[in-house]
Amino acid sequence: MGKKGGALALIAVGAIVFALSRGGSGEKRSAPRPEQTAFPAATVPGGQTASRSPTAAPRATKTPKATAALRLATRPSATPTPAFTVPPALAAATFRMGESSDAILQIKLKMQEYGYFRQTAELSGQYNAIMEERVRLFQRNNGLKETGLIDDAFLSALYGPMPVTTDAYGFIADASPQTVLTRAGGAEAAVTRSAPRRMTVSVSASCSNYNHVGNEWSQSFAVNGSTVRSGSVVTLQAGDQVTVSARIEEADKRPDVGTGQTSRTVTEADLANGFSLSLDVTVRENGGRYSGNTCMWRVTFSFR
C-alpha cells in the first residue's frame, strides 16, 4: 500500500471511533436540560454583593391606605335609676298601734296606691287594728320581718322602686281570711273576712195588676250603681255593702216611671249559700182617665 492508502485507512479508523463515541450502540441520548438562569447579584451597602437563590419572587403586599385617626367610641352612660327616698317628715320615724298623726295618714295614702286599702276607703291618721294588719300584710308580701311596726325597713320598701301590690280588688290574692277597713258611725273598725268571691246575678220582675197604668214597659237594673242583667257576674266579699236598684218605665208619650232600691251587708253565709234581695217599685199613672192609679212591681235579685 502506498502513502495514499495508509492515509485513507487512518481516516476510516477515525470515523469508526467517532461514530462509536457518538452512541454507536444505538441508544438515544436525552436532550440536555437547560441550565437554570442565575439571578443577577444584588448590590448591598458597602459594595458587596449577595447572590439570590433561584426561588419564586415573594408576593407583593398591599400598602395600607392612609386613614383618618380612629376615635375611641364611648358608650353613652345608662339613664340613672330615679332615687326613691322616704319623705323627710317620715325619715327615722317609728309608728305603732295606738298612735295618731298626719304622718300616719300620709303612709296610709301611700299604701292605698298599692291596693292595701280600697280606693274608696275614708282614711284617717289613726294607727288602729286595721292599720296594723295592713302593715303586717305589706311586710309579709315584701319579705320584711313581720312586726306590725312602721320603721325604716318598712318605709324604705314602701317608698322604694317596686313594692309588692295587691290584686285588682284591693286585697292580696290568697284564700286566707283578711282584716279589712269598714266605717260605721264615722269610726273605723276592723272586720275579718274571707277573700272576694265572684257571684252570678239573676233578676226577675213581675206585676200582679197593671191597674190601667200601662201595658208596655221597659226595665233596667243595677248592683252598686253598675247596670246588670241576668247572667252578669259581680265580685263580693263578706262585709261588703251591696245595693240593688231598679227602674221601670211605661212606654208612652208621657211615660210613667217608678224606681226603688234596697241594700244589705254581705255575710260569710251569703257567700257560701247564695242570697236574694227583693224590692217593690211603684209606678203611678200621671195623666188621663186613670190618673193617680198605681201598679206595683216586685223585683228580685238573686246571687249565686
Protein backbone atom coordinates (compact mmCIF):
# COMPACT_ATOMS: atom_id res chain seq x y z
CA MET A 1 0.00 0.00 0.00
CA GLY A 2 1.23 3.44 -0.69
CA LYS A 3 1.11 6.60 1.38
CA LYS A 4 -2.25 7.39 -0.04
CA GLY A 5 -3.82 4.13 1.07
CA GLY A 6 -2.40 4.47 4.58
CA ALA A 7 -3.97 7.85 4.97
CA LEU A 8 -7.35 6.56 3.91
CA ALA A 9 -7.10 3.76 6.41
CA LEU A 10 -6.39 6.20 9.20
CA ILE A 11 -9.36 8.29 8.16
CA ALA A 12 -11.65 5.26 8.21
CA VAL A 13 -10.47 4.20 11.68
CA GLY A 14 -11.02 7.73 12.95
CA ALA A 15 -14.55 7.76 11.53
CA ILE A 16 -15.37 4.49 13.29
CA VAL A 17 -14.02 5.75 16.61
CA PHE A 18 -16.02 8.98 16.23
CA ALA A 19 -19.20 7.04 15.43
CA LEU A 20 -18.73 4.85 18.47
CA SER A 21 -18.15 7.85 20.67
CA ARG A 22 -21.47 9.38 19.40
CA GLY A 23 -23.55 6.41 20.59
CA GLY A 24 -22.92 3.87 18.15
CA SER A 25 -24.64 1.26 20.39
CA GLY A 26 -28.00 2.52 19.02
CA GLU A 27 -29.39 4.12 22.24
CA LYS A 28 -30.75 7.59 22.03
CA ARG A 29 -29.39 10.12 24.44
CA SER A 30 -31.89 12.54 26.08
CA ALA A 31 -31.54 16.14 25.33
CA PRO A 32 -29.61 18.01 27.98
CA ARG A 33 -31.78 20.06 30.41
CA PRO A 34 -31.49 23.75 30.03
CA GLU A 35 -29.42 25.28 32.71
CA GLN A 36 -31.23 27.46 35.26
CA THR A 37 -30.53 31.07 34.80
CA ALA A 38 -28.98 32.57 37.88
CA PHE A 39 -30.47 35.80 39.16
CA PRO A 40 -28.19 38.70 38.97
CA ALA A 41 -26.41 39.53 42.17
CA ALA A 42 -27.98 42.26 44.24
CA THR A 43 -25.82 45.07 45.40
CA VAL A 44 -25.84 45.68 49.17
CA PRO A 45 -24.42 48.58 51.09
CA GLY A 46 -20.63 48.56 51.29
CA GLY A 47 -20.13 47.49 47.71
CA GLN A 48 -20.64 43.78 48.46
CA THR A 49 -22.97 41.60 46.50
CA ALA A 50 -25.35 38.97 47.69
CA SER A 51 -26.50 36.28 45.34
CA ARG A 52 -30.17 35.43 45.14
CA SER A 53 -31.34 31.84 45.15
CA PRO A 54 -33.47 30.81 42.18
CA THR A 55 -36.73 30.82 44.11
CA ALA A 56 -40.08 32.34 43.28
CA ALA A 57 -40.35 36.01 43.90
CA PRO A 58 -42.23 36.88 47.14
CA ARG A 59 -45.80 38.05 46.82
CA ALA A 60 -46.33 41.73 46.81
CA THR A 61 -48.13 43.08 49.88
CA LYS A 62 -50.75 45.78 49.67
CA THR A 63 -49.73 49.06 51.08
CA PRO A 64 -52.41 50.18 53.57
CA LYS A 65 -54.23 53.28 52.55
CA ALA A 66 -53.88 56.31 54.70
CA THR A 67 -56.87 56.52 57.04
CA ALA A 68 -58.07 59.12 59.43
CA ALA A 69 -57.14 58.64 63.04
CA LEU A 70 -59.58 56.34 64.80
CA ARG A 71 -61.53 57.72 67.71
CA LEU A 72 -62.46 55.53 70.62
CA ALA A 73 -66.23 55.02 70.65
CA THR A 74 -67.65 55.67 74.04
CA ARG A 75 -70.99 54.10 75.02
CA PRO A 76 -73.40 56.62 76.50
CA SER A 77 -73.93 56.10 80.16
CA ALA A 78 -77.19 54.42 81.19
CA THR A 79 -80.00 56.59 82.41
CA PRO A 80 -79.65 56.69 86.17
CA THR A 81 -82.41 55.00 88.13
CA PRO A 82 -84.52 57.65 89.83
CA ALA A 83 -83.85 57.85 93.51
CA PHE A 84 -86.63 56.68 95.79
CA THR A 85 -86.41 58.41 99.12
CA VAL A 86 -88.54 58.47 102.20
CA PRO A 87 -90.14 61.90 102.77
CA PRO A 88 -88.11 63.91 105.30
CA ALA A 89 -91.08 64.12 107.66
CA LEU A 90 -91.09 60.31 107.93
CA ALA A 91 -87.34 59.64 107.97
CA ALA A 92 -86.01 57.79 111.04
CA ALA A 93 -89.54 57.64 112.48
CA THR A 94 -91.28 54.68 114.07
CA PHE A 95 -95.04 54.36 114.34
CA ARG A 96 -97.05 51.77 116.27
CA MET A 97 -100.53 50.77 117.33
CA GLY A 98 -102.48 53.45 119.20
CA GLU A 99 -100.72 56.49 117.71
CA SER A 100 -102.40 59.14 115.57
CA SER A 101 -100.80 61.76 113.33
CA ASP A 102 -100.79 63.32 109.88
CA ALA A 103 -97.68 61.25 109.09
CA ILE A 104 -99.65 58.03 109.61
CA LEU A 105 -102.37 59.30 107.28
CA GLN A 106 -99.67 60.05 104.70
CA ILE A 107 -98.41 56.47 104.98
CA LYS A 108 -101.94 55.10 104.65
CA LEU A 109 -102.48 57.10 101.48
CA LYS A 110 -99.24 55.74 100.05
CA MET A 111 -100.29 52.18 100.93
CA GLN A 112 -103.64 52.85 99.27
CA GLU A 113 -101.80 53.49 95.98
CA TYR A 114 -100.63 49.87 96.05
CA GLY A 115 -104.01 48.41 96.96
CA TYR A 116 -103.60 47.88 100.70
CA PHE A 117 -106.69 49.98 101.27
CA ARG A 118 -109.69 50.23 98.97
CA GLN A 119 -109.59 53.28 96.73
CA THR A 120 -112.94 54.40 98.15
CA ALA A 121 -111.92 53.95 101.81
CA GLU A 122 -112.08 57.03 104.02
CA LEU A 123 -108.72 57.01 105.78
CA SER A 124 -107.69 58.75 108.98
CA GLY A 125 -104.41 59.27 110.81
CA GLN A 126 -105.20 56.60 113.41
CA TYR A 127 -102.84 53.65 113.79
CA ASN A 128 -105.60 51.18 114.67
CA ALA A 129 -106.12 47.43 114.30
CA ILE A 130 -106.79 47.60 110.56
CA MET A 131 -103.67 49.68 110.02
CA GLU A 132 -101.54 47.18 111.90
CA GLU A 133 -102.98 44.31 109.87
CA ARG A 134 -102.27 46.15 106.62
CA VAL A 135 -98.72 46.89 107.78
CA ARG A 136 -98.16 43.22 108.61
CA LEU A 137 -99.55 42.22 105.23
CA PHE A 138 -97.22 44.63 103.46
CA GLN A 139 -94.25 43.33 105.46
CA ARG A 140 -95.15 39.74 104.63
CA ASN A 141 -95.55 40.44 100.91
CA ASN A 142 -92.28 42.37 100.67
CA GLY A 143 -90.06 39.95 102.58
CA LEU A 144 -89.76 42.08 105.70
CA LYS A 145 -89.84 40.94 109.31
CA GLU A 146 -93.50 40.92 110.30
CA THR A 147 -93.60 43.24 113.30
CA GLY A 148 -96.67 45.39 112.72
CA LEU A 149 -94.48 48.45 113.28
CA ILE A 150 -93.69 51.14 110.76
CA ASP A 151 -89.91 51.52 110.82
CA ASP A 152 -87.03 52.34 108.47
CA ALA A 153 -87.23 48.98 106.66
CA PHE A 154 -90.97 49.36 106.12
CA LEU A 155 -90.70 52.92 104.82
CA SER A 156 -87.76 52.07 102.53
CA ALA A 157 -89.83 49.32 100.93
CA LEU A 158 -92.99 51.42 100.72
CA TYR A 159 -91.18 54.33 99.05
CA GLY A 160 -88.85 52.03 97.09
CA PRO A 161 -88.97 51.33 93.36
CA MET A 162 -91.15 48.20 93.34
CA PRO A 163 -93.24 47.44 96.42
CA VAL A 164 -95.47 44.37 96.11
CA THR A 165 -99.04 45.34 95.30
CA THR A 166 -102.36 43.62 95.95
CA ASP A 167 -104.86 42.24 93.46
CA ALA A 168 -107.43 44.18 91.45
CA TYR A 169 -109.92 44.14 94.28
CA GLY A 170 -107.56 45.82 96.72
CA PHE A 171 -106.67 42.64 98.58
CA ILE A 172 -103.83 40.14 98.35
CA ALA A 173 -104.83 37.28 96.08
CA ASP A 174 -104.92 34.42 98.59
CA ALA A 175 -107.71 32.50 100.26
CA SER A 176 -106.73 33.32 103.81
CA PRO A 177 -109.07 35.42 105.97
CA GLN A 178 -108.28 39.13 105.80
CA THR A 179 -108.86 42.04 108.12
CA VAL A 180 -110.32 44.98 106.21
CA LEU A 181 -111.38 48.50 106.97
CA THR A 182 -115.02 49.43 107.45
CA ARG A 183 -116.62 52.58 108.76
CA ALA A 184 -119.72 52.67 110.93
CA GLY A 185 -120.95 55.86 112.51
CA GLY A 186 -117.84 57.71 111.29
CA ALA A 187 -115.42 55.40 113.14
CA GLU A 188 -113.05 52.84 111.62
CA ALA A 189 -113.46 49.22 112.65
CA ALA A 190 -111.55 46.05 111.85
CA VAL A 191 -113.53 43.14 110.38
CA THR A 192 -112.06 39.76 109.44
CA ARG A 193 -113.48 38.27 106.27
CA SER A 194 -112.60 35.81 103.52
CA ALA A 195 -111.25 36.53 100.08
CA PRO A 196 -113.54 38.07 97.39
CA ARG A 197 -115.89 35.76 95.52
CA ARG A 198 -117.42 36.02 92.04
CA MET A 199 -121.18 35.53 92.02
CA THR A 200 -123.68 35.32 89.15
CA VAL A 201 -126.72 37.61 89.24
CA SER A 202 -130.22 36.78 88.04
CA VAL A 203 -133.03 39.35 88.01
CA SER A 204 -136.79 38.89 87.76
CA ALA A 205 -139.62 41.48 87.75
CA SER A 206 -143.33 40.88 87.85
CA CYS A 207 -146.52 42.95 88.19
CA SER A 208 -149.67 41.34 89.57
CA ASN A 209 -152.08 44.09 88.48
CA TYR A 210 -151.33 46.83 85.97
CA ASN A 211 -154.46 48.75 87.12
CA HIS A 212 -154.78 50.60 83.81
CA VAL A 213 -151.39 52.27 84.27
CA GLY A 214 -149.81 50.77 81.19
CA ASN A 215 -149.31 47.70 79.04
CA GLU A 216 -145.80 48.14 77.59
CA TRP A 217 -142.77 48.57 79.86
CA SER A 218 -139.01 48.92 79.87
CA GLN A 219 -136.82 47.84 82.82
CA SER A 220 -133.26 48.46 83.98
CA PHE A 221 -131.38 47.03 86.96
CA ALA A 222 -128.15 47.80 88.80
CA VAL A 223 -125.86 46.43 91.53
CA ASN A 224 -123.80 49.03 93.38
CA GLY A 225 -124.50 51.51 90.59
CA SER A 226 -123.39 49.22 87.72
CA THR A 227 -126.00 48.04 85.23
CA VAL A 228 -126.64 44.29 85.35
CA ARG A 229 -128.93 41.73 83.81
CA SER A 230 -129.47 38.04 84.37
CA GLY A 231 -126.14 36.30 83.84
CA SER A 232 -123.97 39.24 84.93
CA VAL A 233 -121.09 38.47 87.32
CA VAL A 234 -120.19 40.59 90.34
CA THR A 235 -117.44 40.25 92.93
CA LEU A 236 -118.46 40.39 96.57
CA GLN A 237 -116.76 39.88 99.91
CA ALA A 238 -118.06 39.38 103.41
CA GLY A 239 -118.59 42.81 104.94
CA ASP A 240 -119.39 44.49 101.61
CA GLN A 241 -122.45 46.69 101.42
CA VAL A 242 -124.39 45.62 98.32
CA THR A 243 -127.10 47.90 96.91
CA VAL A 244 -129.55 46.80 94.22
CA SER A 245 -131.81 49.17 92.30
CA ALA A 246 -134.47 49.01 89.62
CA ARG A 247 -136.16 51.45 87.24
CA ILE A 248 -139.41 50.54 85.50
CA GLU A 249 -140.89 52.84 82.84
CA GLU A 250 -144.11 52.77 80.88
CA ALA A 251 -143.72 53.10 77.13
CA ASP A 252 -145.89 56.17 76.46
CA LYS A 253 -145.68 59.74 75.14
CA ARG A 254 -145.80 60.79 78.79
CA PRO A 255 -144.12 57.77 80.38
CA ASP A 256 -144.87 56.79 83.95
CA VAL A 257 -141.72 55.88 85.85
CA GLY A 258 -141.07 54.08 89.11
CA THR A 259 -137.75 53.42 90.89
CA GLY A 260 -136.62 51.62 94.00
CA GLN A 261 -133.56 50.24 95.78
CA THR A 262 -132.50 48.25 98.81
CA SER A 263 -129.22 47.26 100.48
CA ARG A 264 -127.67 44.72 102.81
CA THR A 265 -124.29 43.76 104.24
CA VAL A 266 -122.90 40.55 102.75
CA THR A 267 -122.07 37.78 105.23
CA GLU A 268 -119.90 34.67 105.03
CA ALA A 269 -123.10 32.61 104.87
CA ASP A 270 -124.30 34.68 101.88
CA LEU A 271 -121.11 33.88 100.01
CA ALA A 272 -121.31 30.19 100.88
CA ASN A 273 -125.02 29.63 100.21
CA GLY A 274 -126.05 32.49 97.91
CA PHE A 275 -128.70 35.07 98.75
CA SER A 276 -131.51 37.16 97.30
CA LEU A 277 -132.67 40.75 97.62
CA SER A 278 -136.21 41.89 96.74
CA LEU A 279 -137.71 45.33 96.39
CA ASP A 280 -141.01 46.87 95.35
CA VAL A 281 -141.29 49.51 92.62
CA THR A 282 -144.45 51.61 92.45
CA VAL A 283 -145.46 53.21 89.15
CA ARG A 284 -148.16 55.92 89.18
CA GLU A 285 -150.30 56.99 86.22
CA ASN A 286 -149.56 60.67 85.65
CA GLY A 287 -152.49 61.75 83.44
CA GLY A 288 -155.57 60.83 81.53
CA ARG A 289 -158.65 58.92 82.53
CA TYR A 290 -156.82 56.75 85.08
CA SER A 291 -154.58 59.45 86.51
CA GLY A 292 -153.46 58.57 90.00
CA ASN A 293 -153.75 54.81 89.54
CA THR A 294 -150.76 52.80 90.69
CA CYS A 295 -149.30 49.42 89.92
CA MET A 296 -146.76 47.52 91.97
CA TRP A 297 -143.75 45.66 90.58
CA ARG A 298 -141.83 43.06 92.55
CA VAL A 299 -138.14 42.86 91.59
CA THR A 300 -135.84 40.13 92.93
CA PHE A 301 -132.04 39.93 92.59
CA SER A 302 -130.51 36.52 93.24
CA PHE A 303 -126.77 35.99 93.79
CA ARG A 304 -125.30 32.51 93.35
